């Protein structure tokens, strides 16, 4: 659709043991259902994640790493056995998620 449509716009880490997931209800409403599971989104990012965004131009927001696109499509990736590791600047692996939930 546009240049930013194939770029990452959101990365949300949601514990498997979240209230929405534990409810067992499929709401058929993305604003609720996306909070039942970890998810990635292609397309538009959230300007609100940058302090002072309301005083910045589109170019300044982009320089801060926020993707711009006309789309925002979520893909759920969470599971009961999900493990996520981060890598520090020194190359150390740090576990963030274990068994679908926060490791710390």
N, C-alpha and C. Protein backbone atom coordinates (compact mmCIF):
# COMPACT_ATOMS: atom_id res chain seq x y z
N UNK A 1 0.83 -1.21 0.00
CA UNK A 1 0.00 0.00 0.00
C UNK A 1 0.86 1.26 0.00
N UNK A 2 1.89 1.27 0.84
CA UNK A 2 2.81 2.40 0.87
C UNK A 2 4.15 1.91 1.42
N UNK A 3 5.13 2.78 1.45
CA UNK A 3 6.49 2.40 1.86
C UNK A 3 6.55 1.83 3.27
N UNK A 4 5.75 2.37 4.20
CA UNK A 4 5.78 1.92 5.58
C UNK A 4 4.94 0.69 5.88
N UNK A 5 4.16 0.22 4.91
CA UNK A 5 3.25 -0.90 5.14
C UNK A 5 3.98 -2.20 5.47
N UNK A 6 5.21 -2.35 5.01
CA UNK A 6 5.96 -3.59 5.26
C UNK A 6 6.91 -3.45 6.45
N UNK A 7 6.82 -2.36 7.17
CA UNK A 7 7.70 -2.10 8.32
C UNK A 7 6.96 -2.34 9.64
N UNK A 8 7.73 -2.65 10.66
CA UNK A 8 7.17 -2.87 11.99
C UNK A 8 6.61 -1.57 12.56
N UNK A 9 5.38 -1.61 13.03
CA UNK A 9 4.76 -0.45 13.63
C UNK A 9 4.49 -0.61 15.12
N UNK A 10 4.43 -1.86 15.58
CA UNK A 10 4.13 -2.11 17.00
C UNK A 10 4.69 -3.46 17.41
N UNK A 11 5.18 -3.51 18.63
CA UNK A 11 5.58 -4.76 19.27
C UNK A 11 5.00 -4.71 20.68
N UNK A 12 4.06 -5.57 20.97
CA UNK A 12 3.39 -5.57 22.27
C UNK A 12 3.63 -6.90 22.97
N UNK A 13 4.19 -6.83 24.16
CA UNK A 13 4.44 -8.03 24.96
C UNK A 13 3.33 -8.14 26.01
N UNK A 14 2.50 -9.15 25.87
CA UNK A 14 1.35 -9.35 26.74
C UNK A 14 1.48 -10.74 27.38
N UNK A 15 1.46 -10.79 28.69
CA UNK A 15 1.58 -12.07 29.38
C UNK A 15 0.43 -13.00 29.03
N UNK A 16 0.74 -14.27 28.87
CA UNK A 16 -0.29 -15.29 28.61
C UNK A 16 -1.33 -15.28 29.73
N UNK A 17 -0.88 -14.96 30.93
CA UNK A 17 -1.75 -14.92 32.11
C UNK A 17 -2.40 -13.54 32.24
N UNK A 18 -2.84 -12.96 31.12
CA UNK A 18 -3.47 -11.64 31.15
C UNK A 18 -4.96 -11.78 31.46
N UNK A 19 -5.56 -10.75 32.02
CA UNK A 19 -7.00 -10.81 32.32
C UNK A 19 -7.86 -11.09 31.09
N UNK A 20 -7.53 -10.50 29.96
CA UNK A 20 -8.34 -10.72 28.75
C UNK A 20 -8.22 -12.17 28.30
N UNK A 21 -7.00 -12.71 28.27
CA UNK A 21 -6.82 -14.11 27.87
C UNK A 21 -7.49 -15.04 28.87
N UNK A 22 -7.35 -14.75 30.14
CA UNK A 22 -7.96 -15.60 31.17
C UNK A 22 -9.48 -15.60 31.12
N UNK A 23 -10.08 -14.55 30.56
CA UNK A 23 -11.55 -14.50 30.48
C UNK A 23 -12.08 -15.56 29.53
N UNK A 24 -11.25 -15.98 28.54
CA UNK A 24 -11.69 -16.98 27.59
C UNK A 24 -12.71 -16.48 26.58
N UNK A 25 -12.90 -15.16 26.55
CA UNK A 25 -13.90 -14.57 25.66
C UNK A 25 -13.21 -13.99 24.43
N UNK A 26 -13.76 -14.28 23.26
CA UNK A 26 -13.33 -13.62 22.03
C UNK A 26 -14.32 -12.48 21.80
N UNK A 27 -13.84 -11.25 21.91
CA UNK A 27 -14.72 -10.08 21.86
C UNK A 27 -15.04 -9.63 20.43
N UNK A 28 -14.26 -10.09 19.46
CA UNK A 28 -14.41 -9.63 18.07
C UNK A 28 -14.23 -8.11 17.99
N UNK A 29 -13.35 -7.60 18.84
CA UNK A 29 -13.01 -6.19 18.88
C UNK A 29 -11.51 -6.10 19.11
N UNK A 30 -10.78 -5.61 18.12
CA UNK A 30 -9.32 -5.61 18.19
C UNK A 30 -8.79 -4.93 19.44
N UNK A 31 -9.42 -3.85 19.87
CA UNK A 31 -8.92 -3.12 21.03
C UNK A 31 -8.91 -3.98 22.30
N UNK A 32 -9.83 -4.95 22.38
CA UNK A 32 -9.82 -5.90 23.49
C UNK A 32 -8.99 -7.13 23.15
N UNK A 33 -9.30 -7.74 22.02
CA UNK A 33 -8.70 -9.04 21.68
C UNK A 33 -7.19 -8.97 21.52
N UNK A 34 -6.63 -7.85 21.05
CA UNK A 34 -5.18 -7.78 20.89
C UNK A 34 -4.46 -7.83 22.23
N UNK A 35 -5.17 -7.55 23.31
CA UNK A 35 -4.55 -7.58 24.63
C UNK A 35 -4.65 -8.94 25.30
N UNK A 36 -5.02 -9.95 24.53
CA UNK A 36 -5.04 -11.33 25.03
C UNK A 36 -3.75 -12.04 24.70
N UNK A 37 -2.88 -11.42 23.90
CA UNK A 37 -1.71 -12.13 23.41
C UNK A 37 -0.63 -11.16 22.94
N UNK A 38 0.63 -11.59 23.01
CA UNK A 38 1.70 -10.81 22.40
C UNK A 38 1.37 -10.62 20.94
N UNK A 39 1.74 -9.48 20.39
CA UNK A 39 1.47 -9.27 18.97
C UNK A 39 2.44 -8.26 18.37
N UNK A 40 2.60 -8.39 17.06
CA UNK A 40 3.35 -7.44 16.25
C UNK A 40 2.37 -6.82 15.28
N UNK A 41 2.67 -5.61 14.83
CA UNK A 41 1.84 -4.99 13.81
C UNK A 41 2.73 -4.42 12.73
N UNK A 42 2.33 -4.65 11.51
CA UNK A 42 2.97 -4.01 10.37
C UNK A 42 2.24 -2.70 10.12
N UNK A 43 2.99 -1.68 9.70
CA UNK A 43 2.39 -0.41 9.35
C UNK A 43 2.62 0.67 10.37
N UNK A 44 1.64 1.49 10.55
CA UNK A 44 1.75 2.70 11.38
C UNK A 44 2.10 2.38 12.83
N UNK A 45 3.04 3.18 13.34
CA UNK A 45 3.40 3.11 14.75
C UNK A 45 2.62 4.17 15.52
N UNK A 46 2.87 4.25 16.80
CA UNK A 46 2.14 5.18 17.66
C UNK A 46 3.00 6.38 18.02
N UNK A 47 2.66 7.55 17.49
CA UNK A 47 3.39 8.78 17.80
C UNK A 47 3.41 9.06 19.29
N UNK A 48 2.34 8.67 19.98
CA UNK A 48 2.19 8.96 21.41
C UNK A 48 3.29 8.32 22.26
N UNK A 49 4.05 7.41 21.68
CA UNK A 49 5.14 6.76 22.42
C UNK A 49 6.37 7.66 22.55
N UNK A 50 6.36 8.77 21.86
CA UNK A 50 7.49 9.71 21.90
C UNK A 50 7.08 10.94 22.70
N UNK A 51 7.84 11.23 23.73
CA UNK A 51 7.55 12.40 24.56
C UNK A 51 7.65 13.67 23.70
N UNK A 52 6.63 14.50 23.76
CA UNK A 52 6.62 15.76 23.02
C UNK A 52 6.21 15.63 21.57
N UNK A 53 5.68 14.46 21.18
CA UNK A 53 5.32 14.21 19.79
C UNK A 53 4.39 15.27 19.21
N UNK A 54 3.54 15.83 20.05
CA UNK A 54 2.55 16.79 19.54
C UNK A 54 3.18 18.08 19.01
N UNK A 55 4.45 18.29 19.35
CA UNK A 55 5.17 19.48 18.88
C UNK A 55 6.17 19.15 17.78
N UNK A 56 6.11 17.93 17.25
CA UNK A 56 7.06 17.49 16.23
C UNK A 56 6.41 17.36 14.87
N UNK A 57 7.23 17.53 13.83
CA UNK A 57 6.77 17.31 12.46
C UNK A 57 6.78 15.81 12.17
N UNK A 58 6.16 15.41 11.06
CA UNK A 58 6.18 14.00 10.64
C UNK A 58 7.61 13.51 10.47
N UNK A 59 8.47 14.37 9.93
CA UNK A 59 9.87 14.00 9.72
C UNK A 59 10.59 13.76 11.04
N UNK A 60 10.33 14.61 12.03
CA UNK A 60 10.95 14.45 13.35
C UNK A 60 10.47 13.17 14.03
N UNK A 61 9.18 12.86 13.89
CA UNK A 61 8.63 11.63 14.46
C UNK A 61 9.31 10.42 13.81
N UNK A 62 9.46 10.46 12.49
CA UNK A 62 10.11 9.36 11.77
C UNK A 62 11.56 9.19 12.23
N UNK A 63 12.27 10.30 12.46
CA UNK A 63 13.65 10.24 12.94
C UNK A 63 13.74 9.57 14.31
N UNK A 64 12.68 9.64 15.09
CA UNK A 64 12.62 9.00 16.41
C UNK A 64 12.32 7.51 16.30
N UNK A 65 12.03 7.02 15.06
CA UNK A 65 11.81 5.59 14.86
C UNK A 65 10.37 5.16 14.74
N UNK A 66 9.43 6.11 14.68
CA UNK A 66 8.02 5.76 14.55
C UNK A 66 7.68 5.60 13.07
N UNK A 67 7.20 4.44 12.69
CA UNK A 67 6.86 4.15 11.31
C UNK A 67 5.55 4.85 10.92
N UNK A 68 5.48 5.28 9.65
CA UNK A 68 4.27 5.93 9.14
C UNK A 68 3.70 5.10 8.00
N UNK A 69 2.41 4.87 8.02
CA UNK A 69 1.73 4.10 6.99
C UNK A 69 0.23 4.34 7.10
N UNK A 70 -0.50 4.00 6.04
CA UNK A 70 -1.96 4.10 6.12
C UNK A 70 -2.56 2.85 6.74
N UNK A 71 -1.75 1.79 6.94
CA UNK A 71 -2.26 0.56 7.53
C UNK A 71 -1.67 0.33 8.91
N UNK A 72 -2.30 -0.53 9.67
CA UNK A 72 -1.79 -1.04 10.95
C UNK A 72 -2.47 -2.40 11.13
N UNK A 73 -1.73 -3.47 10.88
CA UNK A 73 -2.29 -4.82 10.90
C UNK A 73 -1.60 -5.64 11.99
N UNK A 74 -2.37 -6.11 12.97
CA UNK A 74 -1.85 -6.89 14.09
C UNK A 74 -1.76 -8.37 13.75
N UNK A 75 -0.69 -9.02 14.25
CA UNK A 75 -0.50 -10.46 14.13
C UNK A 75 -0.20 -10.99 15.52
N UNK A 76 -1.08 -11.86 16.03
CA UNK A 76 -0.90 -12.42 17.36
C UNK A 76 0.20 -13.49 17.32
N UNK A 77 1.09 -13.47 18.31
CA UNK A 77 2.19 -14.44 18.36
C UNK A 77 2.34 -15.08 19.73
N UNK A 78 1.56 -14.70 20.69
CA UNK A 78 1.72 -15.22 22.04
C UNK A 78 1.24 -16.66 22.17
N UNK A 79 1.82 -17.35 23.16
CA UNK A 79 1.40 -18.72 23.45
C UNK A 79 1.81 -19.07 24.87
N UNK A 80 1.30 -20.18 25.32
CA UNK A 80 1.55 -20.67 26.68
C UNK A 80 3.03 -21.00 26.91
N UNK A 81 3.75 -21.34 25.85
CA UNK A 81 5.17 -21.72 26.00
C UNK A 81 6.13 -20.73 25.36
N UNK A 82 5.68 -19.51 25.11
CA UNK A 82 6.51 -18.49 24.47
C UNK A 82 7.71 -18.12 25.33
N UNK A 83 8.87 -18.07 24.72
CA UNK A 83 10.08 -17.59 25.37
C UNK A 83 10.64 -16.46 24.54
N UNK A 84 11.01 -15.36 25.20
CA UNK A 84 11.60 -14.20 24.52
C UNK A 84 12.87 -13.83 25.25
N UNK A 85 13.92 -13.61 24.47
CA UNK A 85 15.20 -13.16 25.00
C UNK A 85 15.56 -11.83 24.36
N UNK A 86 16.07 -10.91 25.15
CA UNK A 86 16.64 -9.67 24.64
C UNK A 86 18.15 -9.82 24.61
N UNK A 87 18.80 -8.99 23.83
CA UNK A 87 20.26 -9.01 23.74
C UNK A 87 20.77 -7.62 24.10
N UNK A 88 21.64 -7.54 25.11
CA UNK A 88 22.19 -6.26 25.54
C UNK A 88 23.26 -5.78 24.57
N UNK A 89 23.73 -4.55 24.74
CA UNK A 89 24.79 -3.99 23.91
C UNK A 89 26.06 -4.83 23.98
N UNK A 90 26.27 -5.51 25.10
CA UNK A 90 27.48 -6.33 25.25
C UNK A 90 27.29 -7.75 24.73
N UNK A 91 26.09 -8.05 24.22
CA UNK A 91 25.83 -9.38 23.68
C UNK A 91 25.25 -10.37 24.67
N UNK A 92 25.01 -9.93 25.89
CA UNK A 92 24.42 -10.82 26.90
C UNK A 92 22.95 -11.07 26.58
N UNK A 93 22.54 -12.34 26.64
CA UNK A 93 21.12 -12.69 26.44
C UNK A 93 20.40 -12.62 27.78
N UNK A 94 19.28 -11.91 27.79
CA UNK A 94 18.48 -11.74 29.00
C UNK A 94 17.06 -12.24 28.71
N UNK A 95 16.59 -13.18 29.52
CA UNK A 95 15.25 -13.71 29.29
C UNK A 95 14.20 -12.71 29.77
N UNK A 96 13.27 -12.41 28.87
CA UNK A 96 12.20 -11.46 29.15
C UNK A 96 10.89 -12.20 29.43
N UNK A 97 10.62 -13.24 28.63
CA UNK A 97 9.41 -14.06 28.80
C UNK A 97 9.83 -15.52 28.97
N UNK A 98 9.13 -16.21 29.87
CA UNK A 98 9.33 -17.66 30.06
C UNK A 98 7.96 -18.26 30.27
N UNK A 99 7.68 -19.34 29.55
CA UNK A 99 6.38 -20.01 29.65
C UNK A 99 5.22 -19.04 29.44
N UNK A 100 5.40 -18.11 28.47
CA UNK A 100 4.33 -17.20 28.09
C UNK A 100 4.14 -16.00 29.00
N UNK A 101 4.90 -15.90 30.08
CA UNK A 101 4.73 -14.80 31.03
C UNK A 101 6.06 -14.11 31.30
N UNK A 102 5.99 -12.95 31.94
CA UNK A 102 7.20 -12.20 32.25
C UNK A 102 8.15 -13.06 33.08
N UNK A 103 9.43 -12.98 32.77
CA UNK A 103 10.43 -13.81 33.44
C UNK A 103 10.97 -13.14 34.70
N UNK A 104 10.56 -11.92 34.96
CA UNK A 104 11.07 -11.22 36.16
C UNK A 104 9.96 -10.58 36.92
